[in-house]
Amino acid sequence: MFLQKPTLEQLQTQFGTYLVGLMGIEFLEVGPDYLVARMPVDERTYQAFRIMHGGASVVLAETLGSIAANYCVDFEKYYCVGLDINANHLRSMRSGWVIAKASPIHLGRSTQVWEINITDENGKPVCISRLTMAVMAREISGEGKQVQI
């Protein structure tokens, strides 16, 4: 369950200037404990055979899972980082959009596990990914201020 629920505008503004923006990822929906986004299948995401690169699917999966994980912890005390990711590529894509939904499987004190399902625009599976996140305590500096990570 998200402790703070971001808006779509906040997500796009906060993350849109990083890899999210370079890959053309657009946030579509914020649920009570899940995120949905889409990514274009084009020159930014192709591999040599002009099909979507498997690594692009992993970028989309880790992006959604990582962002969602961090909204499930108290920002003042914790942050989440990727520990492990796997992906099964089920269908190739040559054009259009892929749509991903990140949903929690386990939200623990020290780890989280997220499932990210990526489909084509017709709902056919393209990739399924599982992301394990480590929940890290924020360190406090000697003056009682948080160290920014």
N, C-alpha and C. Protein backbone atom coordinates (compact mmCIF):
# COMPACT_ATOMS: atom_id res chain seq x y z
N MET A 1 0.84 -1.17 0.00
CA MET A 1 0.00 0.00 0.00
C MET A 1 0.89 1.24 0.00
N PHE A 2 0.58 2.19 -0.88
CA PHE A 2 1.37 3.42 -0.93
C PHE A 2 1.12 4.25 0.33
N LEU A 3 2.19 4.71 0.95
CA LEU A 3 2.05 5.60 2.11
C LEU A 3 1.74 7.02 1.65
N GLN A 4 2.34 7.41 0.54
CA GLN A 4 2.02 8.67 -0.12
C GLN A 4 1.66 8.31 -1.55
N LYS A 5 0.56 8.81 -2.04
CA LYS A 5 0.12 8.46 -3.39
C LYS A 5 0.46 9.61 -4.33
N PRO A 6 1.39 9.37 -5.27
CA PRO A 6 1.77 10.45 -6.19
C PRO A 6 0.70 10.66 -7.26
N THR A 7 0.72 11.83 -7.85
CA THR A 7 -0.13 12.08 -9.00
C THR A 7 0.66 11.73 -10.26
N LEU A 8 -0.03 11.55 -11.37
CA LEU A 8 0.65 11.27 -12.64
C LEU A 8 1.57 12.42 -13.01
N GLU A 9 1.11 13.65 -12.78
CA GLU A 9 1.93 14.82 -13.08
C GLU A 9 3.21 14.84 -12.24
N GLN A 10 3.10 14.51 -10.95
CA GLN A 10 4.29 14.46 -10.10
C GLN A 10 5.29 13.43 -10.61
N LEU A 11 4.80 12.26 -10.98
CA LEU A 11 5.69 11.20 -11.47
C LEU A 11 6.40 11.64 -12.74
N GLN A 12 5.67 12.20 -13.69
CA GLN A 12 6.27 12.60 -14.96
C GLN A 12 7.26 13.74 -14.74
N THR A 13 6.92 14.68 -13.87
CA THR A 13 7.81 15.81 -13.60
C THR A 13 9.06 15.36 -12.86
N GLN A 14 8.90 14.52 -11.83
CA GLN A 14 10.02 14.10 -11.00
C GLN A 14 10.99 13.18 -11.74
N PHE A 15 10.47 12.29 -12.57
CA PHE A 15 11.33 11.28 -13.19
C PHE A 15 11.51 11.47 -14.69
N GLY A 16 10.77 12.36 -15.31
CA GLY A 16 10.78 12.52 -16.75
C GLY A 16 12.07 13.04 -17.35
N THR A 17 12.95 13.61 -16.55
CA THR A 17 14.21 14.13 -17.09
C THR A 17 15.34 13.11 -17.06
N TYR A 18 15.09 11.96 -16.49
CA TYR A 18 16.11 10.92 -16.40
C TYR A 18 15.89 9.89 -17.50
N LEU A 19 16.29 8.66 -17.28
CA LEU A 19 16.13 7.60 -18.27
C LEU A 19 14.67 7.45 -18.69
N VAL A 20 13.76 7.73 -17.78
CA VAL A 20 12.33 7.68 -18.08
C VAL A 20 12.01 8.54 -19.30
N GLY A 21 12.52 9.76 -19.31
CA GLY A 21 12.28 10.66 -20.43
C GLY A 21 12.98 10.23 -21.70
N LEU A 22 14.21 9.75 -21.57
CA LEU A 22 14.95 9.30 -22.75
C LEU A 22 14.27 8.13 -23.44
N MET A 23 13.65 7.25 -22.66
CA MET A 23 12.99 6.07 -23.21
C MET A 23 11.55 6.37 -23.64
N GLY A 24 11.05 7.55 -23.33
CA GLY A 24 9.69 7.91 -23.71
C GLY A 24 8.62 7.30 -22.81
N ILE A 25 8.99 6.92 -21.59
CA ILE A 25 8.04 6.29 -20.67
C ILE A 25 7.04 7.34 -20.17
N GLU A 26 5.76 6.98 -20.21
CA GLU A 26 4.69 7.86 -19.75
C GLU A 26 3.88 7.13 -18.68
N PHE A 27 3.65 7.78 -17.56
CA PHE A 27 2.85 7.20 -16.48
C PHE A 27 1.38 7.35 -16.82
N LEU A 28 0.61 6.28 -16.63
CA LEU A 28 -0.80 6.26 -17.01
C LEU A 28 -1.78 6.17 -15.85
N GLU A 29 -1.38 5.45 -14.79
CA GLU A 29 -2.32 5.20 -13.70
C GLU A 29 -1.57 4.96 -12.40
N VAL A 30 -2.13 5.50 -11.32
CA VAL A 30 -1.63 5.25 -9.98
C VAL A 30 -2.77 4.63 -9.20
N GLY A 31 -2.60 3.38 -8.78
CA GLY A 31 -3.60 2.70 -7.96
C GLY A 31 -3.23 2.80 -6.51
N PRO A 32 -3.93 2.09 -5.63
CA PRO A 32 -3.61 2.14 -4.20
C PRO A 32 -2.26 1.49 -3.89
N ASP A 33 -1.80 0.55 -4.72
CA ASP A 33 -0.52 -0.10 -4.50
C ASP A 33 0.12 -0.55 -5.82
N TYR A 34 -0.24 0.09 -6.92
CA TYR A 34 0.34 -0.29 -8.21
C TYR A 34 0.53 0.93 -9.10
N LEU A 35 1.41 0.79 -10.07
CA LEU A 35 1.64 1.82 -11.08
C LEU A 35 1.50 1.22 -12.46
N VAL A 36 1.00 2.02 -13.40
CA VAL A 36 0.91 1.62 -14.80
C VAL A 36 1.57 2.70 -15.64
N ALA A 37 2.37 2.26 -16.60
CA ALA A 37 3.03 3.19 -17.52
C ALA A 37 3.12 2.53 -18.89
N ARG A 38 3.43 3.36 -19.89
CA ARG A 38 3.65 2.82 -21.22
C ARG A 38 4.97 3.33 -21.77
N MET A 39 5.48 2.59 -22.75
CA MET A 39 6.75 2.95 -23.38
C MET A 39 6.62 2.68 -24.88
N PRO A 40 7.12 3.60 -25.71
CA PRO A 40 7.02 3.38 -27.15
C PRO A 40 8.01 2.31 -27.62
N VAL A 41 7.62 1.62 -28.67
CA VAL A 41 8.53 0.70 -29.35
C VAL A 41 8.95 1.44 -30.61
N ASP A 42 10.16 2.03 -30.55
CA ASP A 42 10.68 2.83 -31.66
C ASP A 42 12.20 2.85 -31.60
N GLU A 43 12.83 3.80 -32.28
CA GLU A 43 14.30 3.87 -32.36
C GLU A 43 14.96 3.90 -30.99
N ARG A 44 14.29 4.45 -29.99
CA ARG A 44 14.86 4.53 -28.65
C ARG A 44 14.93 3.17 -27.96
N THR A 45 14.06 2.26 -28.38
CA THR A 45 13.93 0.99 -27.66
C THR A 45 14.24 -0.22 -28.53
N TYR A 46 14.64 0.00 -29.79
CA TYR A 46 14.96 -1.11 -30.70
C TYR A 46 16.32 -1.73 -30.41
N GLN A 47 16.46 -3.00 -30.80
CA GLN A 47 17.76 -3.62 -30.92
C GLN A 47 18.06 -3.74 -32.41
N ALA A 48 19.16 -4.39 -32.77
CA ALA A 48 19.66 -4.40 -34.16
C ALA A 48 18.65 -4.93 -35.18
N PHE A 49 17.76 -5.82 -34.80
CA PHE A 49 16.80 -6.39 -35.74
C PHE A 49 15.49 -5.60 -35.81
N ARG A 50 15.50 -4.39 -35.26
CA ARG A 50 14.34 -3.50 -35.26
C ARG A 50 13.14 -4.10 -34.53
N ILE A 51 13.45 -4.82 -33.47
CA ILE A 51 12.42 -5.24 -32.53
C ILE A 51 12.81 -4.68 -31.17
N MET A 52 11.87 -4.63 -30.25
CA MET A 52 12.16 -4.04 -28.95
C MET A 52 13.26 -4.82 -28.24
N HIS A 53 14.22 -4.11 -27.76
CA HIS A 53 15.35 -4.67 -27.02
C HIS A 53 14.86 -5.20 -25.69
N GLY A 54 15.30 -6.39 -25.30
CA GLY A 54 14.92 -6.96 -24.01
C GLY A 54 15.32 -6.07 -22.85
N GLY A 55 16.44 -5.37 -23.00
CA GLY A 55 16.87 -4.46 -21.95
C GLY A 55 15.92 -3.30 -21.76
N ALA A 56 15.22 -2.91 -22.82
CA ALA A 56 14.23 -1.84 -22.70
C ALA A 56 13.07 -2.30 -21.82
N SER A 57 12.68 -3.56 -21.97
CA SER A 57 11.63 -4.10 -21.08
C SER A 57 12.09 -4.08 -19.63
N VAL A 58 13.34 -4.40 -19.41
CA VAL A 58 13.88 -4.41 -18.05
C VAL A 58 13.95 -2.99 -17.49
N VAL A 59 14.31 -2.03 -18.32
CA VAL A 59 14.31 -0.63 -17.88
C VAL A 59 12.91 -0.22 -17.43
N LEU A 60 11.92 -0.55 -18.24
CA LEU A 60 10.54 -0.21 -17.89
C LEU A 60 10.12 -0.91 -16.59
N ALA A 61 10.43 -2.19 -16.47
CA ALA A 61 10.07 -2.95 -15.28
C ALA A 61 10.74 -2.38 -14.03
N GLU A 62 12.04 -2.15 -14.10
CA GLU A 62 12.74 -1.65 -12.91
C GLU A 62 12.31 -0.23 -12.57
N THR A 63 12.03 0.57 -13.57
CA THR A 63 11.55 1.93 -13.32
C THR A 63 10.26 1.90 -12.51
N LEU A 64 9.28 1.15 -12.98
CA LEU A 64 7.99 1.11 -12.28
C LEU A 64 8.11 0.49 -10.89
N GLY A 65 8.80 -0.66 -10.82
CA GLY A 65 8.93 -1.32 -9.53
C GLY A 65 9.68 -0.49 -8.52
N SER A 66 10.75 0.16 -8.95
CA SER A 66 11.54 0.98 -8.03
C SER A 66 10.76 2.19 -7.52
N ILE A 67 10.08 2.86 -8.42
CA ILE A 67 9.29 4.02 -8.00
C ILE A 67 8.19 3.58 -7.05
N ALA A 68 7.46 2.53 -7.42
CA ALA A 68 6.37 2.05 -6.57
C ALA A 68 6.89 1.64 -5.19
N ALA A 69 8.01 0.94 -5.15
CA ALA A 69 8.57 0.49 -3.87
C ALA A 69 8.85 1.66 -2.94
N ASN A 70 9.38 2.73 -3.49
CA ASN A 70 9.72 3.88 -2.66
C ASN A 70 8.48 4.61 -2.13
N TYR A 71 7.34 4.46 -2.78
CA TYR A 71 6.11 5.06 -2.26
C TYR A 71 5.47 4.19 -1.19
N CYS A 72 6.05 3.03 -0.93
CA CYS A 72 5.53 2.13 0.12
C CYS A 72 6.31 2.23 1.42
N VAL A 73 7.28 3.13 1.49
CA VAL A 73 8.06 3.31 2.71
C VAL A 73 7.99 4.76 3.15
N ASP A 74 8.29 5.00 4.42
CA ASP A 74 8.36 6.35 4.98
C ASP A 74 9.62 7.02 4.42
N PHE A 75 9.42 8.02 3.54
CA PHE A 75 10.55 8.71 2.89
C PHE A 75 11.57 9.26 3.88
N GLU A 76 11.08 9.67 5.03
CA GLU A 76 11.96 10.28 6.02
C GLU A 76 12.94 9.27 6.62
N LYS A 77 12.56 8.00 6.65
CA LYS A 77 13.37 6.99 7.32
C LYS A 77 14.00 5.96 6.38
N TYR A 78 13.39 5.74 5.22
CA TYR A 78 13.84 4.64 4.35
C TYR A 78 13.86 5.04 2.88
N TYR A 79 14.58 4.26 2.11
CA TYR A 79 14.54 4.33 0.65
C TYR A 79 14.78 2.92 0.13
N CYS A 80 14.38 2.66 -1.09
CA CYS A 80 14.49 1.32 -1.67
C CYS A 80 15.39 1.35 -2.89
N VAL A 81 16.20 0.30 -3.03
CA VAL A 81 17.09 0.14 -4.18
C VAL A 81 16.95 -1.27 -4.73
N GLY A 82 17.19 -1.40 -6.02
CA GLY A 82 17.07 -2.71 -6.66
C GLY A 82 18.12 -3.68 -6.16
N LEU A 83 17.68 -4.90 -5.91
CA LEU A 83 18.56 -5.97 -5.44
C LEU A 83 18.71 -7.05 -6.50
N ASP A 84 17.61 -7.36 -7.18
CA ASP A 84 17.62 -8.40 -8.21
C ASP A 84 16.45 -8.18 -9.14
N ILE A 85 16.66 -8.46 -10.43
CA ILE A 85 15.56 -8.39 -11.39
C ILE A 85 15.72 -9.54 -12.38
N ASN A 86 14.60 -10.11 -12.76
CA ASN A 86 14.64 -11.09 -13.84
C ASN A 86 13.50 -10.78 -14.80
N ALA A 87 13.63 -11.24 -16.01
CA ALA A 87 12.63 -10.95 -17.02
C ALA A 87 12.53 -12.13 -17.98
N ASN A 88 11.31 -12.51 -18.28
CA ASN A 88 11.04 -13.51 -19.30
C ASN A 88 10.39 -12.78 -20.47
N HIS A 89 11.06 -12.79 -21.61
CA HIS A 89 10.56 -12.13 -22.82
C HIS A 89 9.69 -13.12 -23.57
N LEU A 90 8.43 -12.79 -23.74
CA LEU A 90 7.44 -13.73 -24.26
C LEU A 90 7.02 -13.45 -25.71
N ARG A 91 7.12 -12.21 -26.14
CA ARG A 91 6.68 -11.84 -27.48
C ARG A 91 7.50 -10.65 -27.94
N SER A 92 7.87 -10.65 -29.21
CA SER A 92 8.62 -9.51 -29.75
C SER A 92 7.64 -8.42 -30.18
N MET A 93 8.16 -7.20 -30.21
CA MET A 93 7.37 -6.04 -30.63
C MET A 93 8.17 -5.26 -31.66
N ARG A 94 7.51 -4.80 -32.72
CA ARG A 94 8.16 -4.01 -33.76
C ARG A 94 7.71 -2.55 -33.76
N SER A 95 6.55 -2.28 -33.20
CA SER A 95 6.04 -0.90 -33.19
C SER A 95 4.93 -0.80 -32.15
N GLY A 96 4.46 0.41 -31.96
CA GLY A 96 3.37 0.65 -31.01
C GLY A 96 3.87 0.98 -29.62
N TRP A 97 3.11 0.56 -28.65
CA TRP A 97 3.41 0.83 -27.24
C TRP A 97 3.35 -0.47 -26.46
N VAL A 98 4.17 -0.57 -25.44
CA VAL A 98 4.02 -1.62 -24.44
C VAL A 98 3.51 -0.95 -23.17
N ILE A 99 2.68 -1.68 -22.44
CA ILE A 99 2.07 -1.16 -21.22
C ILE A 99 2.47 -2.07 -20.07
N ALA A 100 2.95 -1.46 -19.01
CA ALA A 100 3.45 -2.22 -17.86
C ALA A 100 2.66 -1.86 -16.61
N LYS A 101 2.43 -2.89 -15.79
CA LYS A 101 1.79 -2.70 -14.49
C LYS A 101 2.65 -3.37 -13.44
N ALA A 102 3.07 -2.57 -12.45
CA ALA A 102 3.87 -3.06 -11.32
C ALA A 102 2.95 -3.25 -10.12
N SER A 103 2.94 -4.47 -9.58
CA SER A 103 2.11 -4.81 -8.42
C SER A 103 2.96 -5.51 -7.36
N PRO A 104 2.70 -5.24 -6.10
CA PRO A 104 3.51 -5.88 -5.04
C PRO A 104 3.14 -7.34 -4.85
N ILE A 105 4.16 -8.13 -4.58
CA ILE A 105 3.97 -9.51 -4.16
C ILE A 105 4.24 -9.62 -2.66
N HIS A 106 5.28 -8.89 -2.22
CA HIS A 106 5.69 -8.92 -0.80
C HIS A 106 6.21 -7.54 -0.43
N LEU A 107 5.70 -6.97 0.65
CA LEU A 107 6.15 -5.68 1.16
C LEU A 107 6.64 -5.89 2.59
N GLY A 108 7.91 -6.26 2.73
CA GLY A 108 8.47 -6.53 4.04
C GLY A 108 9.25 -5.36 4.59
N ARG A 109 9.81 -5.55 5.79
CA ARG A 109 10.61 -4.50 6.44
C ARG A 109 11.95 -4.32 5.77
N SER A 110 12.55 -5.39 5.25
CA SER A 110 13.89 -5.27 4.65
C SER A 110 13.92 -5.54 3.16
N THR A 111 12.89 -6.18 2.63
CA THR A 111 12.81 -6.42 1.18
C THR A 111 11.38 -6.25 0.70
N GLN A 112 11.29 -5.97 -0.58
CA GLN A 112 10.01 -5.95 -1.28
C GLN A 112 10.19 -6.75 -2.56
N VAL A 113 9.12 -7.41 -3.00
CA VAL A 113 9.15 -8.12 -4.28
C VAL A 113 7.97 -7.61 -5.10
N TRP A 114 8.28 -7.23 -6.34
CA TRP A 114 7.29 -6.67 -7.26
C TRP A 114 7.20 -7.50 -8.52
N GLU A 115 5.99 -7.67 -9.02
CA GLU A 115 5.76 -8.31 -10.30
C GLU A 115 5.39 -7.22 -11.30
N ILE A 116 6.05 -7.24 -12.46
CA ILE A 116 5.77 -6.27 -13.50
C ILE A 116 5.36 -7.02 -14.75
N ASN A 117 4.11 -6.84 -15.15
CA ASN A 117 3.59 -7.47 -16.36
C ASN A 117 3.59 -6.43 -17.48
N ILE A 118 4.22 -6.78 -18.58
CA ILE A 118 4.29 -5.90 -19.74
C ILE A 118 3.52 -6.55 -20.87
N THR A 119 2.58 -5.79 -21.45
CA THR A 119 1.75 -6.30 -22.53
C THR A 119 1.82 -5.36 -23.73
N ASP A 120 1.28 -5.84 -24.87
CA ASP A 120 1.12 -4.94 -26.00
C ASP A 120 -0.19 -4.17 -25.80
N GLU A 121 -0.55 -3.35 -26.76
CA GLU A 121 -1.75 -2.52 -26.62
C GLU A 121 -3.05 -3.34 -26.60
N ASN A 122 -2.99 -4.59 -27.04
CA ASN A 122 -4.16 -5.47 -27.03
C ASN A 122 -4.19 -6.39 -25.82
N GLY A 123 -3.26 -6.20 -24.88
CA GLY A 123 -3.23 -7.00 -23.67
C GLY A 123 -2.49 -8.32 -23.79
N LYS A 124 -1.85 -8.56 -24.93
CA LYS A 124 -1.08 -9.79 -25.09
C LYS A 124 0.25 -9.66 -24.35
N PRO A 125 0.67 -10.69 -23.61
CA PRO A 125 1.91 -10.60 -22.83
C PRO A 125 3.15 -10.45 -23.70
N VAL A 126 4.01 -9.53 -23.30
CA VAL A 126 5.29 -9.29 -23.97
C VAL A 126 6.43 -9.72 -23.07
N CYS A 127 6.32 -9.40 -21.77
CA CYS A 127 7.39 -9.72 -20.82
C CYS A 127 6.78 -9.78 -19.42
N ILE A 128 7.29 -10.68 -18.62
CA ILE A 128 6.94 -10.70 -17.20
C ILE A 128 8.24 -10.60 -16.42
N SER A 129 8.25 -9.75 -15.43
CA SER A 129 9.47 -9.49 -14.68
C SER A 129 9.17 -9.54 -13.19
N ARG A 130 10.18 -9.93 -12.43
CA ARG A 130 10.08 -9.90 -10.97
C ARG A 130 11.27 -9.09 -10.46
N LEU A 131 10.99 -8.13 -9.61
CA LEU A 131 11.99 -7.21 -9.08
C LEU A 131 12.02 -7.32 -7.56
N THR A 132 13.21 -7.56 -7.01
CA THR A 132 13.40 -7.57 -5.56
C THR A 132 14.09 -6.28 -5.17
N MET A 133 13.52 -5.59 -4.21
CA MET A 133 14.06 -4.32 -3.72
C MET A 133 14.55 -4.48 -2.29
N ALA A 134 15.68 -3.85 -1.98
CA ALA A 134 16.17 -3.78 -0.61
C ALA A 134 15.64 -2.49 0.01
N VAL A 135 15.11 -2.59 1.22
CA VAL A 135 14.64 -1.42 1.95
C VAL A 135 15.78 -0.97 2.85
N MET A 136 16.27 0.24 2.62
CA MET A 136 17.45 0.75 3.31
C MET A 136 17.06 1.88 4.26
N ALA A 137 17.67 1.88 5.45
CA ALA A 137 17.47 2.97 6.40
C ALA A 137 18.31 4.16 5.97
N ARG A 138 17.73 5.34 6.06
CA ARG A 138 18.48 6.56 5.77
C ARG A 138 19.42 6.84 6.94
N GLU A 139 20.63 7.22 6.61
CA GLU A 139 21.60 7.54 7.66
C GLU A 139 21.41 8.96 8.13
N ILE A 140 21.69 9.17 9.37
CA ILE A 140 21.58 10.50 9.96
C ILE A 140 23.00 11.02 10.20
N SER A 141 23.26 12.25 9.78
CA SER A 141 24.58 12.83 9.98
C SER A 141 24.74 13.25 11.44
N GLY A 142 25.94 13.62 11.83
CA GLY A 142 26.25 14.00 13.21
C GLY A 142 25.42 15.16 13.72
N GLU A 143 24.94 16.01 12.83
CA GLU A 143 24.14 17.16 13.25
C GLU A 143 22.66 16.86 13.30
N GLY A 144 22.28 15.59 13.14
CA GLY A 144 20.88 15.23 13.18
C GLY A 144 20.14 15.45 11.87
N LYS A 145 20.88 15.73 10.80
CA LYS A 145 20.25 15.92 9.50
C LYS A 145 20.40 14.65 8.67
N GLN A 146 19.42 14.41 7.85
CA GLN A 146 19.50 13.24 6.99
C GLN A 146 20.54 13.43 5.91
N VAL A 147 21.26 12.38 5.60
CA VAL A 147 22.18 12.40 4.49
C VAL A 147 21.38 12.06 3.25
N GLN A 148 21.41 12.94 2.27
CA GLN A 148 20.67 12.70 1.03
C GLN A 148 21.38 11.68 0.17
N ILE A 149 20.65 10.71 -0.30
CA ILE A 149 21.19 9.65 -1.14
C ILE A 149 20.97 10.01 -2.59
